[in-house]
């Protein structure tokens, strides 16, 4: 039997304190210092929502990230490992009128807790080692305005922060259903000798909105 919407909502709300506890505990195991110039409201998990909003939480198991540095002597390859522990949570909140669909336009908020870090495997000069990696750009903003386009992509206009990685111009955010957003990005620099590929999902979940 499929749980009712009300039941799923209650379960999601009950799960949030557990998720936050894990995020806070994990943050103690990872360096989560934020430079003063990068500090904003994104780390305030309990900040009020801007009216009625729907939240989409980053799903760590969905993360695909490959980073390449091509050098004359060798190529460094770094691949995210989704089987390893993930520290923290991140959510996007969008304005809604009917509590089911996000509005065509409006304000959005970005909320994080913990370091949002995981593990990648780096191969370089014949050696493979584990390295710590983050899923969130270090100077991300805390929100702005958005537009849901006719092709189901979501255009984000940030009010602050640095727009980089998949939150930058190369990032594509597509609403696949009322409960799922997929983000992708293909990045390159240094005459295409440095490359990064991103793919990750955001799923509907309670994330502090309504406090």
N, C-alpha and C. Protein backbone atom coordinates (compact mmCIF):
# COMPACT_ATOMS: atom_id res chain seq x y z
N UNK A 1 0.85 -1.19 0.00
CA UNK A 1 0.00 0.00 0.00
C UNK A 1 0.89 1.24 0.00
N UNK A 2 0.55 2.23 -0.80
CA UNK A 2 1.33 3.45 -0.88
C UNK A 2 0.92 4.40 0.25
N UNK A 3 1.88 4.92 1.03
CA UNK A 3 1.54 5.84 2.11
C UNK A 3 0.85 7.08 1.57
N UNK A 4 -0.04 7.65 2.35
CA UNK A 4 -0.72 8.86 1.94
C UNK A 4 0.24 10.02 1.95
N UNK A 5 -0.16 11.10 1.29
CA UNK A 5 0.67 12.30 1.26
C UNK A 5 0.91 12.82 2.66
N UNK A 6 -0.13 12.79 3.48
CA UNK A 6 0.01 13.27 4.86
C UNK A 6 1.01 12.42 5.63
N UNK A 7 0.94 11.09 5.43
CA UNK A 7 1.86 10.20 6.13
C UNK A 7 3.29 10.46 5.69
N UNK A 8 3.49 10.62 4.35
CA UNK A 8 4.84 10.88 3.87
C UNK A 8 5.37 12.19 4.43
N UNK A 9 4.48 13.19 4.55
CA UNK A 9 4.90 14.48 5.10
C UNK A 9 5.33 14.36 6.54
N UNK A 10 4.55 13.60 7.33
CA UNK A 10 4.89 13.41 8.73
C UNK A 10 6.21 12.67 8.88
N UNK A 11 6.42 11.63 8.04
CA UNK A 11 7.67 10.88 8.09
C UNK A 11 8.85 11.77 7.74
N UNK A 12 8.66 12.62 6.72
CA UNK A 12 9.74 13.50 6.31
C UNK A 12 10.08 14.49 7.41
N UNK A 13 9.04 15.03 8.06
CA UNK A 13 9.29 15.98 9.14
C UNK A 13 9.95 15.30 10.33
N UNK A 14 9.58 14.05 10.59
CA UNK A 14 10.19 13.32 11.70
C UNK A 14 11.64 13.00 11.40
N UNK A 15 11.97 12.82 10.12
CA UNK A 15 13.32 12.45 9.75
C UNK A 15 14.28 13.63 9.79
N UNK A 16 13.77 14.86 9.70
CA UNK A 16 14.64 16.02 9.64
C UNK A 16 15.54 16.16 10.87
N UNK A 17 15.01 16.04 12.11
CA UNK A 17 15.91 16.17 13.26
C UNK A 17 17.04 15.15 13.23
N UNK A 18 16.74 13.93 12.77
CA UNK A 18 17.78 12.90 12.68
C UNK A 18 18.82 13.32 11.66
N UNK A 19 18.37 13.80 10.50
CA UNK A 19 19.31 14.24 9.46
C UNK A 19 20.16 15.38 9.95
N UNK A 20 19.54 16.31 10.67
CA UNK A 20 20.29 17.45 11.18
C UNK A 20 21.30 17.00 12.23
N UNK A 21 20.90 16.05 13.08
CA UNK A 21 21.82 15.55 14.10
C UNK A 21 23.03 14.90 13.46
N UNK A 22 22.79 14.11 12.42
CA UNK A 22 23.89 13.48 11.70
C UNK A 22 24.78 14.53 11.06
N UNK A 23 24.15 15.55 10.46
CA UNK A 23 24.92 16.60 9.80
C UNK A 23 25.79 17.35 10.79
N UNK A 24 25.22 17.68 11.95
CA UNK A 24 25.98 18.42 12.96
C UNK A 24 27.11 17.58 13.51
N UNK A 25 26.82 16.29 13.81
CA UNK A 25 27.85 15.42 14.33
C UNK A 25 28.96 15.24 13.32
N UNK A 26 28.59 15.06 12.07
CA UNK A 26 29.58 14.86 11.02
C UNK A 26 30.41 16.11 10.81
N UNK A 27 29.79 17.26 10.99
CA UNK A 27 30.53 18.50 10.80
C UNK A 27 31.68 18.60 11.77
N UNK A 28 31.51 17.97 12.94
CA UNK A 28 32.59 17.97 13.90
C UNK A 28 33.77 17.15 13.46
N UNK A 29 33.56 16.23 12.51
CA UNK A 29 34.62 15.38 12.01
C UNK A 29 35.27 15.96 10.77
N UNK A 30 34.68 17.00 10.20
CA UNK A 30 35.20 17.61 8.98
C UNK A 30 35.38 19.11 9.22
N UNK A 31 36.38 19.68 8.60
CA UNK A 31 36.58 21.11 8.70
C UNK A 31 35.52 21.83 7.89
N UNK A 32 34.61 22.53 8.57
CA UNK A 32 33.48 23.19 7.89
C UNK A 32 33.59 24.71 8.01
N UNK A 33 34.83 25.21 8.18
CA UNK A 33 35.03 26.65 8.32
C UNK A 33 34.66 27.34 7.03
N UNK A 34 33.97 28.46 7.14
CA UNK A 34 33.57 29.26 5.98
C UNK A 34 34.26 30.61 6.07
N UNK A 35 34.96 30.99 5.00
CA UNK A 35 35.65 32.27 5.00
C UNK A 35 34.65 33.40 5.21
N UNK A 36 35.05 34.46 5.92
CA UNK A 36 34.11 35.57 6.21
C UNK A 36 33.43 36.11 4.96
N UNK A 37 34.17 36.23 3.85
CA UNK A 37 33.58 36.79 2.64
C UNK A 37 32.57 35.85 1.99
N UNK A 38 32.52 34.60 2.45
CA UNK A 38 31.59 33.61 1.89
C UNK A 38 30.42 33.33 2.82
N UNK A 39 30.36 33.98 3.95
CA UNK A 39 29.30 33.72 4.91
C UNK A 39 28.02 34.43 4.51
N UNK A 40 26.91 33.70 4.59
CA UNK A 40 25.59 34.27 4.34
C UNK A 40 24.56 33.38 5.02
N UNK A 41 23.30 33.53 4.68
CA UNK A 41 22.24 32.83 5.41
C UNK A 41 22.07 31.37 5.00
N UNK A 42 22.89 30.86 4.06
CA UNK A 42 22.67 29.49 3.61
C UNK A 42 22.90 28.46 4.71
N UNK A 43 23.71 28.79 5.71
CA UNK A 43 23.99 27.84 6.78
C UNK A 43 22.99 27.93 7.93
N UNK A 44 21.99 28.79 7.80
CA UNK A 44 20.97 28.94 8.84
C UNK A 44 19.79 28.04 8.50
N UNK A 45 19.87 26.78 8.90
CA UNK A 45 18.87 25.78 8.53
C UNK A 45 17.48 26.16 9.04
N UNK A 46 17.42 26.98 10.09
CA UNK A 46 16.12 27.34 10.67
C UNK A 46 15.65 28.72 10.23
N UNK A 47 16.29 29.31 9.21
CA UNK A 47 15.83 30.63 8.81
C UNK A 47 14.45 30.52 8.17
N UNK A 48 13.60 31.52 8.35
CA UNK A 48 12.23 31.43 7.84
C UNK A 48 12.19 31.30 6.32
N UNK A 49 11.25 30.51 5.84
CA UNK A 49 11.02 30.42 4.40
C UNK A 49 10.40 31.72 3.91
N UNK A 50 10.60 31.99 2.62
CA UNK A 50 10.02 33.19 2.01
C UNK A 50 8.61 32.85 1.53
N UNK A 51 7.65 32.91 2.45
CA UNK A 51 6.30 32.49 2.13
C UNK A 51 6.22 30.97 2.09
N UNK A 52 5.24 30.46 1.35
CA UNK A 52 5.08 29.01 1.24
C UNK A 52 6.08 28.47 0.22
N UNK A 53 6.88 27.48 0.64
CA UNK A 53 7.94 26.97 -0.22
C UNK A 53 7.98 25.45 -0.19
N UNK A 54 8.48 24.87 -1.28
CA UNK A 54 8.73 23.43 -1.37
C UNK A 54 10.24 23.23 -1.41
N UNK A 55 10.71 22.24 -0.67
CA UNK A 55 12.15 21.98 -0.59
C UNK A 55 12.52 20.72 -1.35
N UNK A 56 13.70 20.75 -1.95
CA UNK A 56 14.29 19.61 -2.64
C UNK A 56 15.67 19.39 -2.04
N UNK A 57 15.90 18.19 -1.51
CA UNK A 57 17.14 17.89 -0.81
C UNK A 57 18.11 17.14 -1.72
N UNK A 58 19.37 17.53 -1.68
CA UNK A 58 20.40 16.84 -2.45
C UNK A 58 20.51 15.40 -1.98
N UNK A 59 20.50 14.47 -2.93
CA UNK A 59 20.62 13.05 -2.63
C UNK A 59 22.06 12.60 -2.88
N UNK A 60 22.85 12.38 -1.82
CA UNK A 60 24.27 12.06 -1.99
C UNK A 60 24.53 10.83 -2.86
N UNK A 61 23.64 9.84 -2.82
CA UNK A 61 23.86 8.62 -3.60
C UNK A 61 23.74 8.87 -5.10
N UNK A 62 23.17 10.02 -5.46
CA UNK A 62 22.98 10.31 -6.88
C UNK A 62 24.17 11.05 -7.48
N UNK A 63 25.13 11.44 -6.66
CA UNK A 63 26.22 12.29 -7.15
C UNK A 63 27.15 11.52 -8.08
N UNK A 64 27.35 12.10 -9.25
CA UNK A 64 28.42 11.65 -10.15
C UNK A 64 29.31 12.87 -10.38
N UNK A 65 30.60 12.72 -10.08
CA UNK A 65 31.55 13.80 -10.31
C UNK A 65 32.89 13.21 -10.74
N UNK A 66 33.32 13.58 -11.92
CA UNK A 66 34.65 13.20 -12.42
C UNK A 66 35.42 14.47 -12.71
N UNK A 67 36.65 14.52 -12.18
CA UNK A 67 37.53 15.68 -12.37
C UNK A 67 38.81 15.20 -13.02
N UNK A 68 39.24 15.89 -14.08
CA UNK A 68 40.45 15.53 -14.82
C UNK A 68 41.39 16.72 -14.91
N UNK A 69 42.67 16.46 -14.71
CA UNK A 69 43.72 17.43 -15.01
C UNK A 69 44.69 16.76 -15.96
N UNK A 70 44.76 17.25 -17.17
CA UNK A 70 45.60 16.63 -18.19
C UNK A 70 46.94 17.36 -18.25
N UNK A 71 48.01 16.62 -17.96
CA UNK A 71 49.37 17.16 -17.99
C UNK A 71 50.18 16.38 -19.03
N UNK A 72 51.27 16.95 -19.51
CA UNK A 72 52.07 16.25 -20.52
C UNK A 72 52.52 14.86 -20.09
N UNK A 73 52.85 14.70 -18.82
CA UNK A 73 53.38 13.41 -18.35
C UNK A 73 52.31 12.44 -17.88
N UNK A 74 51.17 12.96 -17.46
CA UNK A 74 50.14 12.09 -16.90
C UNK A 74 48.83 12.86 -16.78
N UNK A 75 47.75 12.14 -16.55
CA UNK A 75 46.44 12.74 -16.31
C UNK A 75 45.95 12.36 -14.92
N UNK A 76 45.63 13.36 -14.13
CA UNK A 76 45.06 13.10 -12.81
C UNK A 76 43.56 12.89 -12.97
N UNK A 77 43.03 11.81 -12.40
CA UNK A 77 41.61 11.48 -12.47
C UNK A 77 41.08 11.37 -11.05
N UNK A 78 39.96 12.02 -10.80
CA UNK A 78 39.33 11.96 -9.48
C UNK A 78 37.86 11.63 -9.65
N UNK A 79 37.40 10.54 -9.04
CA UNK A 79 36.02 10.07 -9.17
C UNK A 79 35.36 9.99 -7.80
N UNK A 80 34.16 10.58 -7.70
CA UNK A 80 33.38 10.55 -6.45
C UNK A 80 32.96 9.11 -6.15
N UNK A 81 33.00 8.74 -4.87
CA UNK A 81 32.59 7.40 -4.43
C UNK A 81 31.31 7.53 -3.62
N UNK A 82 30.18 7.12 -4.19
CA UNK A 82 28.89 7.25 -3.49
C UNK A 82 28.68 6.21 -2.40
N UNK A 83 29.58 5.23 -2.30
CA UNK A 83 29.44 4.21 -1.25
C UNK A 83 30.01 4.67 0.08
N UNK A 84 30.76 5.76 0.07
CA UNK A 84 31.39 6.25 1.29
C UNK A 84 30.45 7.22 2.02
N UNK A 85 30.78 7.52 3.26
CA UNK A 85 29.95 8.40 4.09
C UNK A 85 29.86 9.80 3.50
N UNK A 86 28.71 10.42 3.70
CA UNK A 86 28.48 11.80 3.26
C UNK A 86 28.15 12.63 4.48
N UNK A 87 28.75 13.81 4.59
CA UNK A 87 28.63 14.63 5.79
C UNK A 87 27.82 15.90 5.50
N UNK A 88 26.59 15.95 5.99
CA UNK A 88 25.80 17.15 5.85
C UNK A 88 24.58 16.99 4.96
N UNK A 89 23.91 18.09 4.70
CA UNK A 89 22.76 18.11 3.80
C UNK A 89 22.68 19.47 3.13
N UNK A 90 22.00 19.49 1.98
CA UNK A 90 21.82 20.73 1.22
C UNK A 90 20.43 20.71 0.59
N UNK A 91 19.75 21.85 0.61
CA UNK A 91 18.39 21.92 0.08
C UNK A 91 18.18 23.19 -0.73
N UNK A 92 17.37 23.06 -1.76
CA UNK A 92 16.85 24.19 -2.52
C UNK A 92 15.36 24.32 -2.20
N UNK A 93 14.92 25.53 -1.86
CA UNK A 93 13.51 25.79 -1.59
C UNK A 93 12.97 26.73 -2.67
N UNK A 94 11.77 26.40 -3.18
CA UNK A 94 11.13 27.21 -4.21
C UNK A 94 9.73 27.61 -3.76
N UNK A 95 9.28 28.77 -4.23
CA UNK A 95 7.94 29.25 -3.88
C UNK A 95 6.88 28.35 -4.49
N UNK A 96 5.80 28.16 -3.74
CA UNK A 96 4.66 27.37 -4.21
C UNK A 96 3.36 28.02 -3.77
N UNK A 97 2.32 27.81 -4.53
CA UNK A 97 0.99 28.29 -4.17
C UNK A 97 0.10 27.16 -3.70
N UNK A 98 0.21 26.00 -4.38
CA UNK A 98 -0.68 24.88 -4.08
C UNK A 98 -0.03 23.78 -3.24
N UNK A 99 1.20 23.97 -2.80
CA UNK A 99 1.93 22.99 -1.98
C UNK A 99 2.23 21.69 -2.72
N UNK A 100 2.07 21.69 -4.04
CA UNK A 100 2.36 20.51 -4.86
C UNK A 100 3.37 20.84 -5.95
N UNK A 101 3.14 21.98 -6.63
CA UNK A 101 4.00 22.39 -7.73
C UNK A 101 4.77 23.65 -7.34
N UNK A 102 5.97 23.79 -7.89
CA UNK A 102 6.65 25.07 -7.69
C UNK A 102 6.04 26.09 -8.64
N UNK A 103 6.01 27.33 -8.22
CA UNK A 103 5.44 28.38 -9.06
C UNK A 103 6.33 28.63 -10.29
N UNK A 104 5.77 29.16 -11.38
CA UNK A 104 6.57 29.43 -12.57
C UNK A 104 7.73 30.38 -12.32
N UNK A 105 7.54 31.35 -11.44
CA UNK A 105 8.60 32.28 -11.06
C UNK A 105 8.46 32.58 -9.58
N UNK A 106 9.52 33.10 -9.00
CA UNK A 106 9.46 33.47 -7.60
C UNK A 106 10.84 33.48 -6.98
N UNK A 107 10.87 33.46 -5.67
CA UNK A 107 12.13 33.44 -4.94
C UNK A 107 12.52 32.01 -4.59
N UNK A 108 13.82 31.78 -4.46
CA UNK A 108 14.30 30.49 -3.98
C UNK A 108 15.33 30.72 -2.88
N UNK A 109 15.50 29.71 -2.04
CA UNK A 109 16.49 29.75 -0.98
C UNK A 109 17.39 28.51 -1.08
N UNK A 110 18.64 28.69 -0.72
CA UNK A 110 19.59 27.59 -0.65
C UNK A 110 20.01 27.43 0.80
N UNK A 111 19.90 26.21 1.33
CA UNK A 111 20.16 25.94 2.74
C UNK A 111 21.13 24.76 2.85
N UNK A 112 22.14 24.90 3.70
CA UNK A 112 23.07 23.79 3.92
C UNK A 112 23.32 23.60 5.40
N UNK A 113 23.72 22.39 5.76
CA UNK A 113 24.15 22.07 7.12
C UNK A 113 25.29 21.08 7.02
N UNK A 114 26.31 21.27 7.84
CA UNK A 114 27.47 20.39 7.78
C UNK A 114 28.37 20.73 6.60
N UNK A 115 29.37 19.92 6.37
CA UNK A 115 30.37 20.23 5.35
C UNK A 115 29.96 19.80 3.95
N UNK A 116 28.94 18.95 3.82
CA UNK A 116 28.53 18.42 2.51
C UNK A 116 29.75 17.86 1.77
N UNK A 117 30.48 17.01 2.46
CA UNK A 117 31.70 16.44 1.92
C UNK A 117 31.61 14.93 1.85
N UNK A 118 32.35 14.36 0.93
CA UNK A 118 32.41 12.92 0.77
C UNK A 118 33.82 12.50 0.42
N UNK A 119 33.93 11.38 -0.26
CA UNK A 119 35.24 10.81 -0.61
C UNK A 119 35.32 10.55 -2.10
N UNK A 120 36.47 10.85 -2.67
CA UNK A 120 36.75 10.51 -4.07
C UNK A 120 38.04 9.71 -4.13
N UNK A 121 38.21 9.00 -5.23
CA UNK A 121 39.44 8.24 -5.47
C UNK A 121 40.23 8.95 -6.56
N UNK A 122 41.46 9.28 -6.21
CA UNK A 122 42.31 10.04 -7.12
C UNK A 122 43.45 9.17 -7.62
N UNK A 123 43.57 9.09 -8.94
CA UNK A 123 44.66 8.35 -9.57
C UNK A 123 45.62 9.35 -10.20
N UNK A 124 46.89 9.25 -9.82
CA UNK A 124 47.90 10.23 -10.26
C UNK A 124 49.27 9.59 -10.18
N UNK A 125 49.98 9.58 -11.27
CA UNK A 125 51.32 8.97 -11.35
C UNK A 125 51.32 7.53 -10.85
N UNK A 126 50.32 6.78 -11.27
CA UNK A 126 50.28 5.36 -10.97
C UNK A 126 49.80 5.00 -9.58
N UNK A 127 49.44 5.99 -8.78
CA UNK A 127 48.96 5.72 -7.43
C UNK A 127 47.51 6.16 -7.29
N UNK A 128 46.73 5.39 -6.55
CA UNK A 128 45.33 5.73 -6.29
C UNK A 128 45.14 5.92 -4.79
N UNK A 129 44.62 7.07 -4.42
CA UNK A 129 44.43 7.41 -3.01
C UNK A 129 43.04 8.02 -2.82
N UNK A 130 42.53 7.92 -1.61
CA UNK A 130 41.26 8.56 -1.28
C UNK A 130 41.52 10.01 -0.87
N UNK A 131 40.62 10.90 -1.30
CA UNK A 131 40.73 12.32 -0.95
C UNK A 131 39.36 12.84 -0.57
N UNK A 132 39.33 13.82 0.30
CA UNK A 132 38.08 14.45 0.68
C UNK A 132 37.63 15.43 -0.40
N UNK A 133 36.35 15.43 -0.71
CA UNK A 133 35.79 16.33 -1.72
C UNK A 133 34.48 16.91 -1.21
N UNK A 134 34.14 18.08 -1.72
CA UNK A 134 32.89 18.74 -1.35
C UNK A 134 31.94 18.76 -2.53
N UNK A 135 30.65 18.70 -2.24
CA UNK A 135 29.64 18.75 -3.30
C UNK A 135 29.10 20.16 -3.51
N UNK A 136 29.45 21.09 -2.63
CA UNK A 136 28.89 22.45 -2.70
C UNK A 136 30.01 23.44 -2.94
N UNK A 137 29.87 24.32 -3.93
CA UNK A 137 30.88 25.35 -4.16
C UNK A 137 31.14 26.13 -2.87
N UNK A 138 32.39 26.44 -2.57
CA UNK A 138 32.74 27.00 -1.26
C UNK A 138 32.14 28.37 -0.96
N UNK A 139 31.83 29.16 -1.98
CA UNK A 139 31.27 30.49 -1.74
C UNK A 139 29.88 30.63 -2.36
N UNK A 140 29.08 29.59 -2.23
CA UNK A 140 27.72 29.63 -2.79
C UNK A 140 26.90 30.72 -2.12
N UNK A 141 25.91 31.22 -2.85
CA UNK A 141 24.98 32.18 -2.29
C UNK A 141 23.90 31.48 -1.47
N UNK A 142 22.96 32.26 -0.94
CA UNK A 142 21.90 31.68 -0.13
C UNK A 142 20.53 31.77 -0.80
N UNK A 143 20.49 32.19 -2.07
CA UNK A 143 19.22 32.23 -2.78
C UNK A 143 19.13 33.39 -3.75
N UNK A 144 17.91 33.63 -4.21
CA UNK A 144 17.67 34.69 -5.19
C UNK A 144 16.31 34.50 -5.81
N UNK A 145 16.24 34.61 -7.13
CA UNK A 145 14.99 34.40 -7.85
C UNK A 145 15.19 33.33 -8.92
N UNK A 146 14.10 32.73 -9.36
CA UNK A 146 14.17 31.66 -10.36
C UNK A 146 13.05 31.81 -11.38
N UNK A 147 13.23 31.10 -12.49
CA UNK A 147 12.19 31.01 -13.52
C UNK A 147 12.13 29.57 -14.01
N UNK A 148 10.93 28.99 -14.03
CA UNK A 148 10.70 27.66 -14.60
C UNK A 148 10.39 27.84 -16.08
N UNK A 149 11.28 27.37 -16.94
CA UNK A 149 11.15 27.58 -18.37
C UNK A 149 10.26 26.54 -19.04
N UNK A 150 9.88 26.81 -20.28
CA UNK A 150 8.97 25.91 -21.02
C UNK A 150 9.57 24.54 -21.23
N UNK A 151 10.91 24.43 -21.26
CA UNK A 151 11.55 23.12 -21.45
C UNK A 151 11.84 22.42 -20.13
N UNK A 152 11.23 22.89 -19.04
CA UNK A 152 11.34 22.32 -17.69
C UNK A 152 12.68 22.60 -17.02
N UNK A 153 13.54 23.41 -17.63
CA UNK A 153 14.74 23.82 -16.93
C UNK A 153 14.40 24.96 -15.98
N UNK A 154 15.21 25.10 -14.94
CA UNK A 154 15.01 26.15 -13.94
C UNK A 154 16.20 27.09 -14.00
N UNK A 155 15.95 28.35 -14.30
CA UNK A 155 17.01 29.36 -14.33
C UNK A 155 17.10 30.01 -12.96
N UNK A 156 18.29 29.97 -12.36
CA UNK A 156 18.53 30.56 -11.05
C UNK A 156 19.29 31.87 -11.20
N UNK A 157 18.79 32.92 -10.56
CA UNK A 157 19.49 34.20 -10.50
C UNK A 157 19.84 34.46 -9.05
N UNK A 158 21.12 34.32 -8.72
CA UNK A 158 21.56 34.42 -7.32
C UNK A 158 21.67 35.89 -6.90
N UNK A 159 21.30 36.16 -5.65
CA UNK A 159 21.39 37.51 -5.12
C UNK A 159 22.74 37.78 -4.48
N UNK A 160 23.51 36.71 -4.22
CA UNK A 160 24.82 36.87 -3.60
C UNK A 160 25.65 35.61 -3.87
N UNK A 161 26.84 35.57 -3.33
CA UNK A 161 27.71 34.41 -3.50
C UNK A 161 28.38 34.38 -4.86
N UNK A 162 29.23 33.37 -5.05
CA UNK A 162 29.93 33.16 -6.31
C UNK A 162 29.27 32.02 -7.07
N UNK A 163 28.94 32.25 -8.33
CA UNK A 163 28.28 31.24 -9.14
C UNK A 163 29.35 30.37 -9.82
N UNK A 164 29.57 29.20 -9.27
CA UNK A 164 30.62 28.31 -9.78
C UNK A 164 30.13 26.87 -9.76
N UNK A 165 30.94 25.97 -10.34
CA UNK A 165 30.61 24.57 -10.47
C UNK A 165 29.24 24.43 -11.15
N UNK A 166 28.39 23.56 -10.63
CA UNK A 166 27.08 23.35 -11.25
C UNK A 166 26.09 24.46 -10.93
N UNK A 167 26.44 25.38 -10.04
CA UNK A 167 25.60 26.55 -9.79
C UNK A 167 26.00 27.73 -10.69
N UNK A 168 26.98 27.52 -11.54
CA UNK A 168 27.41 28.56 -12.45
C UNK A 168 26.68 28.50 -13.78
N UNK A 169 27.12 29.27 -14.77
CA UNK A 169 26.45 29.33 -16.08
C UNK A 169 26.35 27.98 -16.78
N UNK A 170 27.29 27.06 -16.50
CA UNK A 170 27.27 25.77 -17.17
C UNK A 170 26.26 24.79 -16.57
N UNK A 171 25.74 25.10 -15.39
CA UNK A 171 24.82 24.19 -14.72
C UNK A 171 23.43 24.20 -15.34
N UNK A 172 22.87 23.02 -15.51
CA UNK A 172 21.51 22.87 -16.03
C UNK A 172 20.67 22.20 -14.95
N UNK A 173 19.60 22.84 -14.52
CA UNK A 173 18.71 22.32 -13.48
C UNK A 173 17.36 22.03 -14.14
N UNK A 174 16.97 20.78 -14.16
CA UNK A 174 15.76 20.39 -14.88
C UNK A 174 14.75 19.73 -13.93
N UNK A 175 13.53 20.25 -13.94
CA UNK A 175 12.45 19.67 -13.14
C UNK A 175 11.91 18.44 -13.87
N UNK A 176 12.26 17.25 -13.38
CA UNK A 176 11.83 16.01 -14.03
C UNK A 176 10.43 15.60 -13.61
N UNK A 177 10.03 15.99 -12.41
CA UNK A 177 8.68 15.73 -11.90
C UNK A 177 8.45 16.70 -10.76
N UNK A 178 7.26 16.66 -10.16
CA UNK A 178 6.98 17.56 -9.05
C UNK A 178 7.86 17.26 -7.84
N UNK A 179 8.54 16.11 -7.84
CA UNK A 179 9.34 15.73 -6.68
C UNK A 179 10.82 15.50 -7.01
N UNK A 180 11.27 15.86 -8.21
CA UNK A 180 12.65 15.56 -8.59
C UNK A 180 13.23 16.62 -9.51
N UNK A 181 14.40 17.13 -9.14
CA UNK A 181 15.18 18.03 -9.97
C UNK A 181 16.53 17.37 -10.23
N UNK A 182 16.97 17.39 -11.48
CA UNK A 182 18.30 16.87 -11.80
C UNK A 182 19.19 18.03 -12.25
N UNK A 183 20.42 18.05 -11.71
CA UNK A 183 21.39 19.07 -12.05
C UNK A 183 22.57 18.42 -12.77
N UNK A 184 22.99 19.02 -13.87
CA UNK A 184 24.14 18.53 -14.61
C UNK A 184 25.03 19.72 -14.99
N UNK A 185 26.30 19.44 -15.21
CA UNK A 185 27.22 20.48 -15.65
C UNK A 185 28.45 19.84 -16.26
N UNK A 186 28.93 20.43 -17.35
CA UNK A 186 30.20 20.06 -17.98
C UNK A 186 31.07 21.30 -17.98
N UNK A 187 32.20 21.23 -17.30
CA UNK A 187 33.07 22.39 -17.12
C UNK A 187 34.45 22.11 -17.68
N UNK A 188 35.09 23.15 -18.18
CA UNK A 188 36.46 23.01 -18.65
C UNK A 188 37.19 24.34 -18.55
N UNK A 189 38.50 24.27 -18.42
CA UNK A 189 39.34 25.46 -18.37
C UNK A 189 40.74 25.08 -18.84
N UNK A 190 41.63 26.06 -18.86
CA UNK A 190 43.02 25.84 -19.29
C UNK A 190 43.06 25.12 -20.63
N UNK A 191 42.37 25.70 -21.61
CA UNK A 191 42.34 25.13 -22.97
C UNK A 191 41.86 23.68 -22.95
N UNK A 192 40.86 23.42 -22.10
CA UNK A 192 40.22 22.10 -22.00
C UNK A 192 41.12 21.05 -21.35
N UNK A 193 42.22 21.47 -20.73
CA UNK A 193 43.09 20.50 -20.06
C UNK A 193 42.63 20.21 -18.63
N UNK A 194 41.70 21.02 -18.12
CA UNK A 194 41.07 20.74 -16.83
C UNK A 194 39.58 20.62 -17.07
N UNK A 195 39.01 19.50 -16.65
CA UNK A 195 37.61 19.24 -16.93
C UNK A 195 36.91 18.68 -15.68
N UNK A 196 35.63 18.96 -15.60
CA UNK A 196 34.82 18.40 -14.51
C UNK A 196 33.42 18.12 -15.02
N UNK A 197 32.89 16.98 -14.64
CA UNK A 197 31.52 16.61 -14.99
C UNK A 197 30.73 16.39 -13.70
N UNK A 198 29.52 16.93 -13.67
CA UNK A 198 28.66 16.80 -12.50
C UNK A 198 27.28 16.28 -12.91
N UNK A 199 26.72 15.42 -12.09
CA UNK A 199 25.31 15.04 -12.21
C UNK A 199 24.82 14.66 -10.81
N UNK A 200 23.69 15.22 -10.40
CA UNK A 200 23.14 14.93 -9.07
C UNK A 200 21.66 15.25 -9.05
N UNK A 201 20.96 14.62 -8.12
CA UNK A 201 19.51 14.78 -8.01
C UNK A 201 19.13 15.48 -6.70
N UNK A 202 18.05 16.23 -6.78
CA UNK A 202 17.42 16.87 -5.62
C UNK A 202 16.00 16.31 -5.53
N UNK A 203 15.65 15.71 -4.40
CA UNK A 203 14.33 15.12 -4.23
C UNK A 203 13.53 15.87 -3.18
N UNK A 204 12.20 15.93 -3.40
CA UNK A 204 11.31 16.61 -2.45
C UNK A 204 11.48 16.02 -1.07
N UNK A 205 11.68 16.91 -0.10
CA UNK A 205 11.83 16.48 1.30
C UNK A 205 11.59 17.70 2.18
N UNK A 206 11.17 17.46 3.38
CA UNK A 206 11.04 18.57 4.34
C UNK A 206 12.42 19.02 4.76
N UNK A 207 12.68 20.32 4.72
CA UNK A 207 14.02 20.83 4.98
C UNK A 207 13.95 22.14 5.77
N UNK A 208 13.12 22.13 6.80
CA UNK A 208 13.05 23.29 7.69
C UNK A 208 12.08 24.37 7.25
N UNK A 209 11.51 24.28 6.03
CA UNK A 209 10.60 25.34 5.59
C UNK A 209 9.37 25.37 6.49
N UNK A 210 8.93 26.57 6.77
CA UNK A 210 7.76 26.72 7.62
C UNK A 210 8.11 27.07 9.05
N UNK A 211 9.40 27.06 9.43
CA UNK A 211 9.78 27.44 10.80
C UNK A 211 9.43 28.90 11.01
